[in-house]
Amino acid sequence: MAEQRDAIRRILAVLVWDQAVRLRTTLAEADTDAQPLTDSRVADSRATYELLAQAFLKAVPAQ
C-alpha cells in the first residue's frame, strides 16, 4: 500500500494531497448492515470524510 502511494506521489507530484483516508471496515459493514451514516459506529469515518470534503472545497476553486 505504501509503495503504491509513493509511486502515485512520484508520478502526480503536486496533484496529490497530504491528507489520506485510511481503509475503514466500519463503513463497509455499515453499508452491508444498512446502517445510516448517523450511526455511532461510523462517526469517526464520517468526520474524516467531512474534513476531506472541506479541504477539497478550499483547494479546488469553484467553476
Protein backbone atom coordinates (compact mmCIF):
# COMPACT_ATOMS: atom_id res chain seq x y z
CA MET A 1 0.00 0.00 0.00
CA ALA A 2 2.79 2.46 0.89
CA GLU A 3 4.62 1.59 -2.33
CA GLN A 4 1.53 2.41 -4.38
CA ARG A 5 1.06 5.71 -2.53
CA ASP A 6 4.69 6.67 -3.07
CA ALA A 7 4.54 5.79 -6.77
CA ILE A 8 1.43 7.90 -7.22
CA ARG A 9 3.13 10.82 -5.46
CA ARG A 10 6.18 10.49 -7.73
CA ILE A 11 4.03 10.49 -10.87
CA LEU A 12 1.45 13.13 -9.94
CA ALA A 13 3.57 15.27 -7.60
CA VAL A 14 1.64 18.40 -6.57
CA LEU A 15 -1.73 16.90 -7.52
CA VAL A 16 -1.56 14.51 -4.56
CA TRP A 17 -2.76 15.87 -1.24
CA ASP A 18 -1.13 15.09 2.08
CA GLN A 19 -4.48 14.09 3.54
CA ALA A 20 -5.14 10.39 3.45
CA VAL A 21 -8.20 8.36 4.34
CA ARG A 22 -7.42 5.07 5.98
CA LEU A 23 -9.34 1.98 4.97
CA ARG A 24 -12.12 1.57 7.47
CA THR A 25 -14.17 -1.60 7.54
CA THR A 26 -16.83 0.14 9.62
CA LEU A 27 -18.10 1.97 6.54
CA ALA A 28 -18.32 -1.23 4.51
CA GLU A 29 -20.00 -3.02 7.40
CA ALA A 30 -22.48 -0.17 7.89
CA ASP A 31 -23.38 -0.37 4.19
CA THR A 32 -23.81 -4.13 4.36
CA ASP A 33 -25.90 -3.84 7.54
CA ALA A 34 -27.94 -0.97 6.02
CA GLN A 35 -26.92 1.34 8.86
CA PRO A 36 -27.23 5.10 8.28
CA LEU A 37 -24.15 7.34 8.36
CA THR A 38 -25.58 8.83 11.54
CA ASP A 39 -24.89 5.52 13.30
CA SER A 40 -22.28 5.92 16.04
CA ARG A 41 -20.14 3.11 14.56
CA VAL A 42 -19.21 5.29 11.58
CA ALA A 43 -18.87 8.65 13.36
CA ASP A 44 -15.05 8.74 13.10
CA SER A 45 -15.06 7.77 9.44
CA ARG A 46 -17.81 10.27 8.66
CA ALA A 47 -15.82 13.04 10.37
CA THR A 48 -12.73 12.13 8.35
CA TYR A 49 -14.62 12.35 5.07
CA GLU A 50 -16.23 15.65 6.11
CA LEU A 51 -12.78 17.13 6.81
CA LEU A 52 -11.53 15.84 3.47
CA ALA A 53 -14.51 17.41 1.70
CA GLN A 54 -13.82 20.75 3.41
CA ALA A 55 -10.16 20.60 2.34
CA PHE A 56 -11.24 19.79 -1.22
CA LEU A 57 -13.65 22.73 -1.36
CA LYS A 58 -10.89 25.07 -0.16
CA ALA A 59 -8.27 23.69 -2.57
CA VAL A 60 -10.37 23.49 -5.73
CA PRO A 61 -11.79 26.78 -6.99
CA ALA A 62 -15.49 26.87 -7.84
CA GLN A 63 -16.27 26.95 -11.55
